[in-house]
Amino acid sequence: MGDHTTIVLTEAVYYILLSLTTPLHGYGIMQKTSQLSHGRLVISAGTLYGAINTLLDRGWIKQLIVAEESRRKEYVITEDGKAVLRAELARLHELVANGDAILNQ
């Protein structure tokens, strides 16, 4: 994937991608995003599965092959997803640095 610098992620998508640096199923993603945000961000199932479909379509995450008898679907971030996440992290660092430079002079 090309230049990721113009992509701005929603907070929910940011945390979903961050949580998928290790493979997780839907409920695990919901738990991890809540844990990472210290309970501030609670993602509903509808929001999560809409986001998962979008992230799959963009190639930022992929579904893993799980045992046939399991009904759970597991997902993990792709290299493109990691590149998008790194670009967003750099953007957020810039926001914080600019805020610090101006407000904390």
PDB file of N, CA and C in Angstrom:
ATOM      1  N   MET A   1       0.842  -1.171   0.000  1.00  0.00           N
ATOM      2  CA  MET A   1       0.000   0.000   0.000  1.00  0.00           C
ATOM      3  C   MET A   1       0.891   1.239   0.000  1.00  0.00           C
ATOM      4  N   GLY A   2       0.424   2.315  -0.599  1.00  0.00           N
ATOM      5  CA  GLY A   2       1.230   3.517  -0.776  1.00  0.00           C
ATOM      6  C   GLY A   2       1.296   4.382   0.451  1.00  0.00           C
ATOM      7  N   ASP A   3       1.128   5.680   0.226  1.00  0.00           N
ATOM      8  CA  ASP A   3       1.272   6.695   1.258  1.00  0.00           C
ATOM      9  C   ASP A   3       0.110   6.637   2.249  1.00  0.00           C
ATOM     10  N   HIS A   4       0.418   6.454   3.527  1.00  0.00           N
ATOM     11  CA  HIS A   4      -0.611   6.358   4.569  1.00  0.00           C
ATOM     12  C   HIS A   4      -0.785   7.663   5.334  1.00  0.00           C
ATOM     13  N   THR A   5      -0.034   8.695   4.980  1.00  0.00           N
ATOM     14  CA  THR A   5      -0.009   9.892   5.798  1.00  0.00           C
ATOM     15  C   THR A   5      -1.325  10.658   5.786  1.00  0.00           C
ATOM     16  N   THR A   6      -2.164  10.488   4.774  1.00  0.00           N
ATOM     17  CA  THR A   6      -3.408  11.259   4.710  1.00  0.00           C
ATOM     18  C   THR A   6      -4.582  10.536   5.365  1.00  0.00           C
ATOM     19  N   ILE A   7      -4.372   9.334   5.828  1.00  0.00           N
ATOM     20  CA  ILE A   7      -5.444   8.566   6.461  1.00  0.00           C
ATOM     21  C   ILE A   7      -5.536   8.958   7.931  1.00  0.00           C
ATOM     22  N   VAL A   8      -6.734   9.362   8.360  1.00  0.00           N
ATOM     23  CA  VAL A   8      -6.978   9.676   9.760  1.00  0.00           C
ATOM     24  C   VAL A   8      -7.948   8.622  10.290  1.00  0.00           C
ATOM     25  N   LEU A   9      -7.539   7.918  11.320  1.00  0.00           N
ATOM     26  CA  LEU A   9      -8.357   6.848  11.878  1.00  0.00           C
ATOM     27  C   LEU A   9      -9.281   7.377  12.970  1.00  0.00           C
ATOM     28  N   THR A  10     -10.460   6.785  13.050  1.00  0.00           N
ATOM     29  CA  THR A  10     -11.296   7.060  14.212  1.00  0.00           C
ATOM     30  C   THR A  10     -10.635   6.382  15.408  1.00  0.00           C
ATOM     31  N   GLU A  11     -11.008   6.818  16.585  1.00  0.00           N
ATOM     32  CA  GLU A  11     -10.441   6.207  17.788  1.00  0.00           C
ATOM     33  C   GLU A  11     -10.781   4.714  17.858  1.00  0.00           C
ATOM     34  N   ALA A  12     -12.001   4.353  17.489  1.00  0.00           N
ATOM     35  CA  ALA A  12     -12.403   2.947  17.527  1.00  0.00           C
ATOM     36  C   ALA A  12     -11.551   2.113  16.579  1.00  0.00           C
ATOM     37  N   VAL A  13     -11.355   2.578  15.345  1.00  0.00           N
ATOM     38  CA  VAL A  13     -10.544   1.836  14.372  1.00  0.00           C
ATOM     39  C   VAL A  13      -9.098   1.756  14.850  1.00  0.00           C
ATOM     40  N   TYR A  14      -8.581   2.835  15.410  1.00  0.00           N
ATOM     41  CA  TYR A  14      -7.221   2.826  15.947  1.00  0.00           C
ATOM     42  C   TYR A  14      -7.061   1.720  16.984  1.00  0.00           C
ATOM     43  N   TYR A  15      -7.988   1.665  17.928  1.00  0.00           N
ATOM     44  CA  TYR A  15      -7.891   0.655  18.989  1.00  0.00           C
ATOM     45  C   TYR A  15      -8.163  -0.763  18.475  1.00  0.00           C
ATOM     46  N   ILE A  16      -9.031  -0.913  17.505  1.00  0.00           N
ATOM     47  CA  ILE A  16      -9.266  -2.239  16.921  1.00  0.00           C
ATOM     48  C   ILE A  16      -7.977  -2.734  16.267  1.00  0.00           C
ATOM     49  N   LEU A  17      -7.351  -1.889  15.454  1.00  0.00           N
ATOM     50  CA  LEU A  17      -6.091  -2.288  14.810  1.00  0.00           C
ATOM     51  C   LEU A  17      -5.018  -2.578  15.853  1.00  0.00           C
ATOM     52  N   LEU A  18      -4.920  -1.725  16.852  1.00  0.00           N
ATOM     53  CA  LEU A  18      -3.921  -1.921  17.907  1.00  0.00           C
ATOM     54  C   LEU A  18      -4.157  -3.242  18.643  1.00  0.00           C
ATOM     55  N   SER A  19      -5.418  -3.563  18.900  1.00  0.00           N
ATOM     56  CA  SER A  19      -5.719  -4.805  19.619  1.00  0.00           C
ATOM     57  C   SER A  19      -5.402  -6.037  18.770  1.00  0.00           C
ATOM     58  N   LEU A  20      -5.416  -5.877  17.447  1.00  0.00           N
ATOM     59  CA  LEU A  20      -5.197  -7.027  16.568  1.00  0.00           C
ATOM     60  C   LEU A  20      -3.727  -7.257  16.222  1.00  0.00           C
ATOM     61  N   THR A  21      -2.821  -6.657  16.967  1.00  0.00           N
ATOM     62  CA  THR A  21      -1.411  -7.009  16.799  1.00  0.00           C
ATOM     63  C   THR A  21      -1.176  -8.432  17.305  1.00  0.00           C
ATOM     64  N   THR A  22      -2.140  -8.959  18.051  1.00  0.00           N
ATOM     65  CA  THR A  22      -2.188 -10.386  18.372  1.00  0.00           C
ATOM     66  C   THR A  22      -3.565 -10.878  17.931  1.00  0.00           C
ATOM     67  N   PRO A  23      -3.681 -12.098  17.427  1.00  0.00           N
ATOM     68  CA  PRO A  23      -4.970 -12.588  16.923  1.00  0.00           C
ATOM     69  C   PRO A  23      -6.044 -12.608  18.009  1.00  0.00           C
ATOM     70  N   LEU A  24      -7.233 -12.134  17.637  1.00  0.00           N
ATOM     71  CA  LEU A  24      -8.364 -12.113  18.563  1.00  0.00           C
ATOM     72  C   LEU A  24      -9.660 -12.358  17.811  1.00  0.00           C
ATOM     73  N   HIS A  25     -10.660 -12.836  18.537  1.00  0.00           N
ATOM     74  CA  HIS A  25     -12.022 -12.945  18.011  1.00  0.00           C
ATOM     75  C   HIS A  25     -12.768 -11.677  18.417  1.00  0.00           C
ATOM     76  N   GLY A  26     -13.991 -11.522  17.920  1.00  0.00           N
ATOM     77  CA  GLY A  26     -14.758 -10.299  18.135  1.00  0.00           C
ATOM     78  C   GLY A  26     -14.887  -9.878  19.584  1.00  0.00           C
ATOM     79  N   TYR A  27     -15.290 -10.797  20.435  1.00  0.00           N
ATOM     80  CA  TYR A  27     -15.462 -10.444  21.840  1.00  0.00           C
ATOM     81  C   TYR A  27     -14.128 -10.044  22.474  1.00  0.00           C
ATOM     82  N   GLY A  28     -13.055 -10.728  22.067  1.00  0.00           N
ATOM     83  CA  GLY A  28     -11.724 -10.395  22.561  1.00  0.00           C
ATOM     84  C   GLY A  28     -11.305  -8.992  22.148  1.00  0.00           C
ATOM     85  N   ILE A  29     -11.674  -8.583  20.916  1.00  0.00           N
ATOM     86  CA  ILE A  29     -11.377  -7.228  20.443  1.00  0.00           C
ATOM     87  C   ILE A  29     -12.122  -6.215  21.304  1.00  0.00           C
ATOM     88  N   MET A  30     -13.392  -6.488  21.599  1.00  0.00           N
ATOM     89  CA  MET A  30     -14.184  -5.581  22.434  1.00  0.00           C
ATOM     90  C   MET A  30     -13.551  -5.436  23.812  1.00  0.00           C
ATOM     91  N   GLN A  31     -13.108  -6.538  24.396  1.00  0.00           N
ATOM     92  CA  GLN A  31     -12.470  -6.505  25.715  1.00  0.00           C
ATOM     93  C   GLN A  31     -11.148  -5.736  25.673  1.00  0.00           C
ATOM     94  N   LYS A  32     -10.353  -6.007  24.639  1.00  0.00           N
ATOM     95  CA  LYS A  32      -9.028  -5.385  24.539  1.00  0.00           C
ATOM     96  C   LYS A  32      -9.136  -3.882  24.326  1.00  0.00           C
ATOM     97  N   THR A  33     -10.073  -3.426  23.487  1.00  0.00           N
ATOM     98  CA  THR A  33     -10.216  -1.987  23.269  1.00  0.00           C
ATOM     99  C   THR A  33     -10.652  -1.291  24.553  1.00  0.00           C
ATOM    100  N   SER A  34     -11.524  -1.926  25.297  1.00  0.00           N
ATOM    101  CA  SER A  34     -11.955  -1.361  26.576  1.00  0.00           C
ATOM    102  C   SER A  34     -10.782  -1.310  27.554  1.00  0.00           C
ATOM    103  N   GLN A  35     -10.005  -2.379  27.598  1.00  0.00           N
ATOM    104  CA  GLN A  35      -8.840  -2.446  28.488  1.00  0.00           C
ATOM    105  C   GLN A  35      -7.810  -1.380  28.116  1.00  0.00           C
ATOM    106  N   LEU A  36      -7.477  -1.265  26.819  1.00  0.00           N
ATOM    107  CA  LEU A  36      -6.471  -0.305  26.376  1.00  0.00           C
ATOM    108  C   LEU A  36      -6.876   1.137  26.667  1.00  0.00           C
ATOM    109  N   SER A  37      -8.179   1.414  26.568  1.00  0.00           N
ATOM    110  CA  SER A  37      -8.666   2.783  26.796  1.00  0.00           C
ATOM    111  C   SER A  37      -9.092   3.004  28.253  1.00  0.00           C
ATOM    112  N   HIS A  38      -8.796   2.044  29.107  1.00  0.00           N
ATOM    113  CA  HIS A  38      -9.159   2.110  30.529  1.00  0.00           C
ATOM    114  C   HIS A  38     -10.666   2.286  30.708  1.00  0.00           C
ATOM    115  N   GLY A  39     -11.433   1.606  29.850  1.00  0.00           N
ATOM    116  CA  GLY A  39     -12.892   1.605  29.945  1.00  0.00           C
ATOM    117  C   GLY A  39     -13.572   2.806  29.325  1.00  0.00           C
ATOM    118  N   ARG A  40     -12.800   3.731  28.782  1.00  0.00           N
ATOM    119  CA  ARG A  40     -13.383   4.930  28.181  1.00  0.00           C
ATOM    120  C   ARG A  40     -14.062   4.634  26.852  1.00  0.00           C
ATOM    121  N   LEU A  41     -13.511   3.690  26.081  1.00  0.00           N
ATOM    122  CA  LEU A  41     -14.063   3.336  24.775  1.00  0.00           C
ATOM    123  C   LEU A  41     -14.708   1.964  24.856  1.00  0.00           C
ATOM    124  N   VAL A  42     -16.018   1.925  24.683  1.00  0.00           N
ATOM    125  CA  VAL A  42     -16.746   0.659  24.675  1.00  0.00           C
ATOM    126  C   VAL A  42     -17.373   0.518  23.291  1.00  0.00           C
ATOM    127  N   ILE A  43     -16.953  -0.499  22.557  1.00  0.00           N
ATOM    128  CA  ILE A  43     -17.423  -0.704  21.192  1.00  0.00           C
ATOM    129  C   ILE A  43     -18.561  -1.710  21.209  1.00  0.00           C
ATOM    130  N   SER A  44     -19.685  -1.345  20.599  1.00  0.00           N
ATOM    131  CA  SER A  44     -20.816  -2.268  20.508  1.00  0.00           C
ATOM    132  C   SER A  44     -20.517  -3.319  19.437  1.00  0.00           C
ATOM    133  N   ALA A  45     -21.240  -4.428  19.503  1.00  0.00           N
ATOM    134  CA  ALA A  45     -21.050  -5.506  18.528  1.00  0.00           C
ATOM    135  C   ALA A  45     -21.327  -5.006  17.111  1.00  0.00           C
ATOM    136  N   GLY A  46     -22.371  -4.202  16.944  1.00  0.00           N
ATOM    137  CA  GLY A  46     -22.708  -3.692  15.617  1.00  0.00           C
ATOM    138  C   GLY A  46     -21.605  -2.825  15.045  1.00  0.00           C
ATOM    139  N   THR A  47     -21.064  -1.940  15.859  1.00  0.00           N
ATOM    140  CA  THR A  47     -19.965  -1.081  15.430  1.00  0.00           C
ATOM    141  C   THR A  47     -18.739  -1.917  15.102  1.00  0.00           C
ATOM    142  N   LEU A  48     -18.456  -2.895  15.956  1.00  0.00           N
ATOM    143  CA  LEU A  48     -17.274  -3.731  15.755  1.00  0.00           C
ATOM    144  C   LEU A  48     -17.350  -4.490  14.444  1.00  0.00           C
ATOM    145  N   TYR A  49     -18.464  -5.157  14.188  1.00  0.00           N
ATOM    146  CA  TYR A  49     -18.528  -5.990  12.989  1.00  0.00           C
ATOM    147  C   TYR A  49     -18.608  -5.162  11.721  1.00  0.00           C
ATOM    148  N   GLY A  50     -19.174  -3.947  11.795  1.00  0.00           N
ATOM    149  CA  GLY A  50     -19.116  -3.032  10.657  1.00  0.00           C
ATOM    150  C   GLY A  50     -17.679  -2.633  10.372  1.00  0.00           C
ATOM    151  N   ALA A  51     -16.940  -2.315  11.434  1.00  0.00           N
ATOM    152  CA  ALA A  51     -15.532  -1.932  11.300  1.00  0.00           C
ATOM    153  C   ALA A  51     -14.700  -3.105  10.787  1.00  0.00           C
ATOM    154  N   ILE A  52     -14.945  -4.293  11.286  1.00  0.00           N
ATOM    155  CA  ILE A  52     -14.200  -5.477  10.832  1.00  0.00           C
ATOM    156  C   ILE A  52     -14.381  -5.669   9.328  1.00  0.00           C
ATOM    157  N   ASN A  53     -15.625  -5.557   8.846  1.00  0.00           N
ATOM    158  CA  ASN A  53     -15.869  -5.718   7.409  1.00  0.00           C
ATOM    159  C   ASN A  53     -15.118  -4.661   6.601  1.00  0.00           C
ATOM    160  N   THR A  54     -15.128  -3.422   7.069  1.00  0.00           N
ATOM    161  CA  THR A  54     -14.407  -2.355   6.382  1.00  0.00           C
ATOM    162  C   THR A  54     -12.908  -2.624   6.390  1.00  0.00           C
ATOM    163  N   LEU A  55     -12.373  -3.034   7.539  1.00  0.00           N
ATOM    164  CA  LEU A  55     -10.936  -3.296   7.655  1.00  0.00           C
ATOM    165  C   LEU A  55     -10.513  -4.490   6.797  1.00  0.00           C
ATOM    166  N   LEU A  56     -11.366  -5.500   6.701  1.00  0.00           N
ATOM    167  CA  LEU A  56     -11.095  -6.634   5.814  1.00  0.00           C
ATOM    168  C   LEU A  56     -11.068  -6.171   4.362  1.00  0.00           C
ATOM    169  N   ASP A  57     -12.050  -5.352   3.972  1.00  0.00           N
ATOM    170  CA  ASP A  57     -12.122  -4.844   2.595  1.00  0.00           C
ATOM    171  C   ASP A  57     -10.890  -4.018   2.239  1.00  0.00           C
ATOM    172  N   ARG A  58     -10.379  -3.254   3.194  1.00  0.00           N
ATOM    173  CA  ARG A  58      -9.199  -2.413   2.955  1.00  0.00           C
ATOM    174  C   ARG A  58      -7.899  -3.205   3.000  1.00  0.00           C
ATOM    175  N   GLY A  59      -7.967  -4.446   3.481  1.00  0.00           N
ATOM    176  CA  GLY A  59      -6.763  -5.267   3.583  1.00  0.00           C
ATOM    177  C   GLY A  59      -5.914  -4.939   4.789  1.00  0.00           C
ATOM    178  N   TRP A  60      -6.496  -4.240   5.774  1.00  0.00           N
ATOM    179  CA  TRP A  60      -5.746  -3.866   6.970  1.00  0.00           C
ATOM    180  C   TRP A  60      -5.754  -4.958   8.021  1.00  0.00           C
ATOM    181  N   ILE A  61      -6.718  -5.867   7.957  1.00  0.00           N
ATOM    182  CA  ILE A  61      -6.762  -7.051   8.816  1.00  0.00           C
ATOM    183  C   ILE A  61      -7.114  -8.246   7.934  1.00  0.00           C
ATOM    184  N   LYS A  62      -6.880  -9.436   8.457  1.00  0.00           N
ATOM    185  CA  LYS A  62      -7.290 -10.647   7.746  1.00  0.00           C
ATOM    186  C   LYS A  62      -7.902 -11.620   8.737  1.00  0.00           C
ATOM    187  N   GLN A  63      -8.769 -12.467   8.227  1.00  0.00           N
ATOM    188  CA  GLN A  63      -9.371 -13.505   9.056  1.00  0.00           C
ATOM    189  C   GLN A  63      -8.439 -14.699   9.063  1.00  0.00           C
ATOM    190  N   LEU A  64      -8.251 -15.287  10.217  1.00  0.00           N
ATOM    191  CA  LEU A  64      -7.401 -16.466  10.345  1.00  0.00           C
ATOM    192  C   LEU A  64      -8.229 -17.730  10.169  1.00  0.00           C
ATOM    193  N   ILE A  65      -7.578 -18.769   9.730  1.00  0.00           N
ATOM    194  CA  ILE A  65      -8.213 -20.076   9.633  1.00  0.00           C
ATOM    195  C   ILE A  65      -8.239 -20.672  11.036  1.00  0.00           C
ATOM    196  N   VAL A  66      -9.442 -21.052  11.481  1.00  0.00           N
ATOM    197  CA  VAL A  66      -9.575 -21.671  12.809  1.00  0.00           C
ATOM    198  C   VAL A  66     -10.181 -23.058  12.632  1.00  0.00           C
ATOM    199  N   ALA A  67     -10.200 -23.813  13.691  1.00  0.00           N
ATOM    200  CA  ALA A  67     -10.734 -25.173  13.638  1.00  0.00           C
ATOM    201  C   ALA A  67     -12.175 -25.164  13.118  1.00  0.00           C
ATOM    202  N   GLU A  68     -12.507 -26.146  12.317  1.00  0.00           N
ATOM    203  CA  GLU A  68     -13.838 -26.244  11.708  1.00  0.00           C
ATOM    204  C   GLU A  68     -14.966 -26.205  12.726  1.00  0.00           C
ATOM    205  N   GLU A  69     -14.755 -26.835  13.864  1.00  0.00           N
ATOM    206  CA  GLU A  69     -15.821 -26.916  14.863  1.00  0.00           C
ATOM    207  C   GLU A  69     -16.021 -25.610  15.626  1.00  0.00           C
ATOM    208  N   SER A  70     -15.074 -24.674  15.466  1.00  0.00           N
ATOM    209  CA  SER A  70     -15.183 -23.398  16.170  1.00  0.00           C
ATOM    210  C   SER A  70     -16.064 -22.431  15.384  1.00  0.00           C
ATOM    211  N   ARG A  71     -16.982 -21.754  16.094  1.00  0.00           N
ATOM    212  CA  ARG A  71     -17.822 -20.752  15.456  1.00  0.00           C
ATOM    213  C   ARG A  71     -17.169 -19.380  15.525  1.00  0.00           C
ATOM    214  N   ARG A  72     -16.142 -19.253  16.327  1.00  0.00           N
ATOM    215  CA  ARG A  72     -15.451 -17.975  16.478  1.00  0.00           C
ATOM    216  C   ARG A  72     -14.573 -17.698  15.263  1.00  0.00           C
ATOM    217  N   LYS A  73     -14.609 -16.462  14.820  1.00  0.00           N
ATOM    218  CA  LYS A  73     -13.708 -16.021  13.766  1.00  0.00           C
ATOM    219  C   LYS A  73     -12.627 -15.183  14.425  1.00  0.00           C
ATOM    220  N   GLU A  74     -11.381 -15.474  14.069  1.00  0.00           N
ATOM    221  CA  GLU A  74     -10.274 -14.707  14.617  1.00  0.00           C
ATOM    222  C   GLU A  74      -9.677 -13.839  13.526  1.00  0.00           C
ATOM    223  N   TYR A  75      -9.183 -12.683  13.940  1.00  0.00           N
ATOM    224  CA  TYR A  75      -8.625 -11.709  13.015  1.00  0.00           C
ATOM    225  C   TYR A  75      -7.253 -11.273  13.515  1.00  0.00           C
ATOM    226  N   VAL A  76      -6.430 -10.766  12.582  1.00  0.00           N
ATOM    227  CA  VAL A  76      -5.110 -10.240  12.928  1.00  0.00           C
ATOM    228  C   VAL A  76      -4.783  -9.120  11.943  1.00  0.00           C
ATOM    229  N   ILE A  77      -3.988  -8.177  12.383  1.00  0.00           N
ATOM    230  CA  ILE A  77      -3.592  -7.049  11.539  1.00  0.00           C
ATOM    231  C   ILE A  77      -2.635  -7.535  10.446  1.00  0.00           C
ATOM    232  N   THR A  78      -2.695  -6.894   9.270  1.00  0.00           N
ATOM    233  CA  THR A  78      -1.782  -7.195   8.163  1.00  0.00           C
ATOM    234  C   THR A  78      -0.641  -6.182   8.168  1.00  0.00           C
ATOM    235  N   GLU A  79       0.323  -6.378   7.290  1.00  0.00           N
ATOM    236  CA  GLU A  79       1.423  -5.412   7.174  1.00  0.00           C
ATOM    237  C   GLU A  79       0.891  -4.051   6.733  1.00  0.00           C
ATOM    238  N   ASP A  80      -0.085  -4.016   5.814  1.00  0.00           N
ATOM    239  CA  ASP A  80      -0.695  -2.735   5.430  1.00  0.00           C
ATOM    240  C   ASP A  80      -1.370  -2.082   6.628  1.00  0.00           C
ATOM    241  N   GLY A  81      -2.046  -2.880   7.435  1.00  0.00           N
ATOM    242  CA  GLY A  81      -2.691  -2.351   8.630  1.00  0.00           C
ATOM    243  C   GLY A  81      -1.682  -1.775   9.601  1.00  0.00           C
ATOM    244  N   LYS A  82      -0.546  -2.454   9.752  1.00  0.00           N
ATOM    245  CA  LYS A  82       0.511  -1.948  10.642  1.00  0.00           C
ATOM    246  C   LYS A  82       1.065  -0.631  10.116  1.00  0.00           C
ATOM    247  N   ALA A  83       1.205  -0.511   8.797  1.00  0.00           N
ATOM    248  CA  ALA A  83       1.713   0.739   8.207  1.00  0.00           C
ATOM    249  C   ALA A  83       0.739   1.885   8.474  1.00  0.00           C
ATOM    250  N   VAL A  84      -0.553   1.615   8.347  1.00  0.00           N
ATOM    251  CA  VAL A  84      -1.580   2.626   8.625  1.00  0.00           C
ATOM    252  C   VAL A  84      -1.529   3.012  10.102  1.00  0.00           C
ATOM    253  N   LEU A  85      -1.395   2.022  10.969  1.00  0.00           N
ATOM    254  CA  LEU A  85      -1.334   2.269  12.409  1.00  0.00           C
ATOM    255  C   LEU A  85      -0.097   3.094  12.773  1.00  0.00           C
ATOM    256  N   ARG A  86       1.045   2.778  12.169  1.00  0.00           N
ATOM    257  CA  ARG A  86       2.273   3.548  12.439  1.00  0.00           C
ATOM    258  C   ARG A  86       2.122   4.997  11.969  1.00  0.00           C
ATOM    259  N   ALA A  87       1.506   5.194  10.796  1.00  0.00           N
ATOM    260  CA  ALA A  87       1.293   6.549  10.275  1.00  0.00           C
ATOM    261  C   ALA A  87       0.369   7.334  11.204  1.00  0.00           C
ATOM    262  N   GLU A  88      -0.664   6.678  11.719  1.00  0.00           N
ATOM    263  CA  GLU A  88      -1.584   7.349  12.644  1.00  0.00           C
ATOM    264  C   GLU A  88      -0.869   7.690  13.943  1.00  0.00           C
ATOM    265  N   LEU A  89      -0.028   6.802  14.425  1.00  0.00           N
ATOM    266  CA  LEU A  89       0.727   7.076  15.648  1.00  0.00           C
ATOM    267  C   LEU A  89       1.646   8.283  15.452  1.00  0.00           C
ATOM    268  N   ALA A  90       2.297   8.365  14.299  1.00  0.00           N
ATOM    269  CA  ALA A  90       3.158   9.515  14.003  1.00  0.00           C
ATOM    270  C   ALA A  90       2.335  10.802  13.955  1.00  0.00           C
ATOM    271  N   ARG A  91       1.135  10.741  13.365  1.00  0.00           N
ATOM    272  CA  ARG A  91       0.253  11.901  13.300  1.00  0.00           C
ATOM    273  C   ARG A  91      -0.146  12.345  14.705  1.00  0.00           C
ATOM    274  N   LEU A  92      -0.482  11.383  15.555  1.00  0.00           N
ATOM    275  CA  LEU A  92      -0.873  11.701  16.934  1.00  0.00           C
ATOM    276  C   LEU A  92       0.292  12.291  17.726  1.00  0.00           C
ATOM    277  N   HIS A  93       1.500  11.758  17.511  1.00  0.00           N
ATOM    278  CA  HIS A  93       2.686  12.329  18.170  1.00  0.00           C
ATOM    279  C   HIS A  93       2.874  13.784  17.756  1.00  0.00           C
ATOM    280  N   GLU A  94       2.665  14.076  16.467  1.00  0.00           N
ATOM    281  CA  GLU A  94       2.803  15.451  15.980  1.00  0.00           C
ATOM    282  C   GLU A  94       1.770  16.364  16.646  1.00  0.00           C
ATOM    283  N   LEU A  95       0.538  15.875  16.773  1.00  0.00           N
ATOM    284  CA  LEU A  95      -0.502  16.660  17.434  1.00  0.00           C
ATOM    285  C   LEU A  95      -0.098  17.001  18.868  1.00  0.00           C
ATOM    286  N   VAL A  96       0.381  16.018  19.588  1.00  0.00           N
ATOM    287  CA  VAL A  96       0.783  16.223  20.984  1.00  0.00           C
ATOM    288  C   VAL A  96       1.985  17.171  21.060  1.00  0.00           C
ATOM    289  N   ALA A  97       2.972  16.986  20.190  1.00  0.00           N
ATOM    290  CA  ALA A  97       4.159  17.849  20.205  1.00  0.00           C
ATOM    291  C   ALA A  97       3.779  19.296  19.920  1.00  0.00           C
ATOM    292  N   ASN A  98       2.901  19.507  18.955  1.00  0.00           N
ATOM    293  CA  ASN A  98       2.469  20.869  18.642  1.00  0.00           C
ATOM    294  C   ASN A  98       1.684  21.481  19.802  1.00  0.00           C
ATOM    295  N   GLY A  99       0.830  20.695  20.425  1.00  0.00           N
ATOM    296  CA  GLY A  99       0.083  21.177  21.579  1.00  0.00           C
ATOM    297  C   GLY A  99       0.999  21.538  22.736  1.00  0.00           C
ATOM    298  N   ASP A 100       1.965  20.660  23.006  1.00  0.00           N
ATOM    299  CA  ASP A 100       2.934  20.943  24.074  1.00  0.00           C
ATOM    300  C   ASP A 100       3.730  22.209  23.778  1.00  0.00           C
ATOM    301  N   ALA A 101       4.180  22.362  22.532  1.00  0.00           N
ATOM    302  CA  ALA A 101       5.013  23.503  22.157  1.00  0.00           C
ATOM    303  C   ALA A 101       4.262  24.820  22.336  1.00  0.00           C
ATOM    304  N   ILE A 102       2.976  24.803  22.058  1.00  0.00           N
ATOM    305  CA  ILE A 102       2.219  26.046  22.132  1.00  0.00           C
ATOM    306  C   ILE A 102       1.649  26.295  23.519  1.00  0.00           C
ATOM    307  N   LEU A 103       1.079  25.289  24.146  1.00  0.00           N
ATOM    308  CA  LEU A 103       0.394  25.482  25.419  1.00  0.00           C
ATOM    309  C   LEU A 103       1.308  25.418  26.640  1.00  0.00           C
ATOM    310  N   ASN A 104       2.432  24.741  26.515  1.00  0.00           N
ATOM    311  CA  ASN A 104       3.310  24.564  27.666  1.00  0.00           C
ATOM    312  C   ASN A 104       4.644  25.284  27.497  1.00  0.00           C
ATOM    313  N   GLN A 105       4.629  26.466  26.858  1.00  0.00           N
ATOM    314  CA  GLN A 105       5.870  27.231  26.652  1.00  0.00           C
ATOM    315  C   GLN A 105       6.358  27.826  27.953  1.00  0.00           C
TER     316      GLN A 105
END
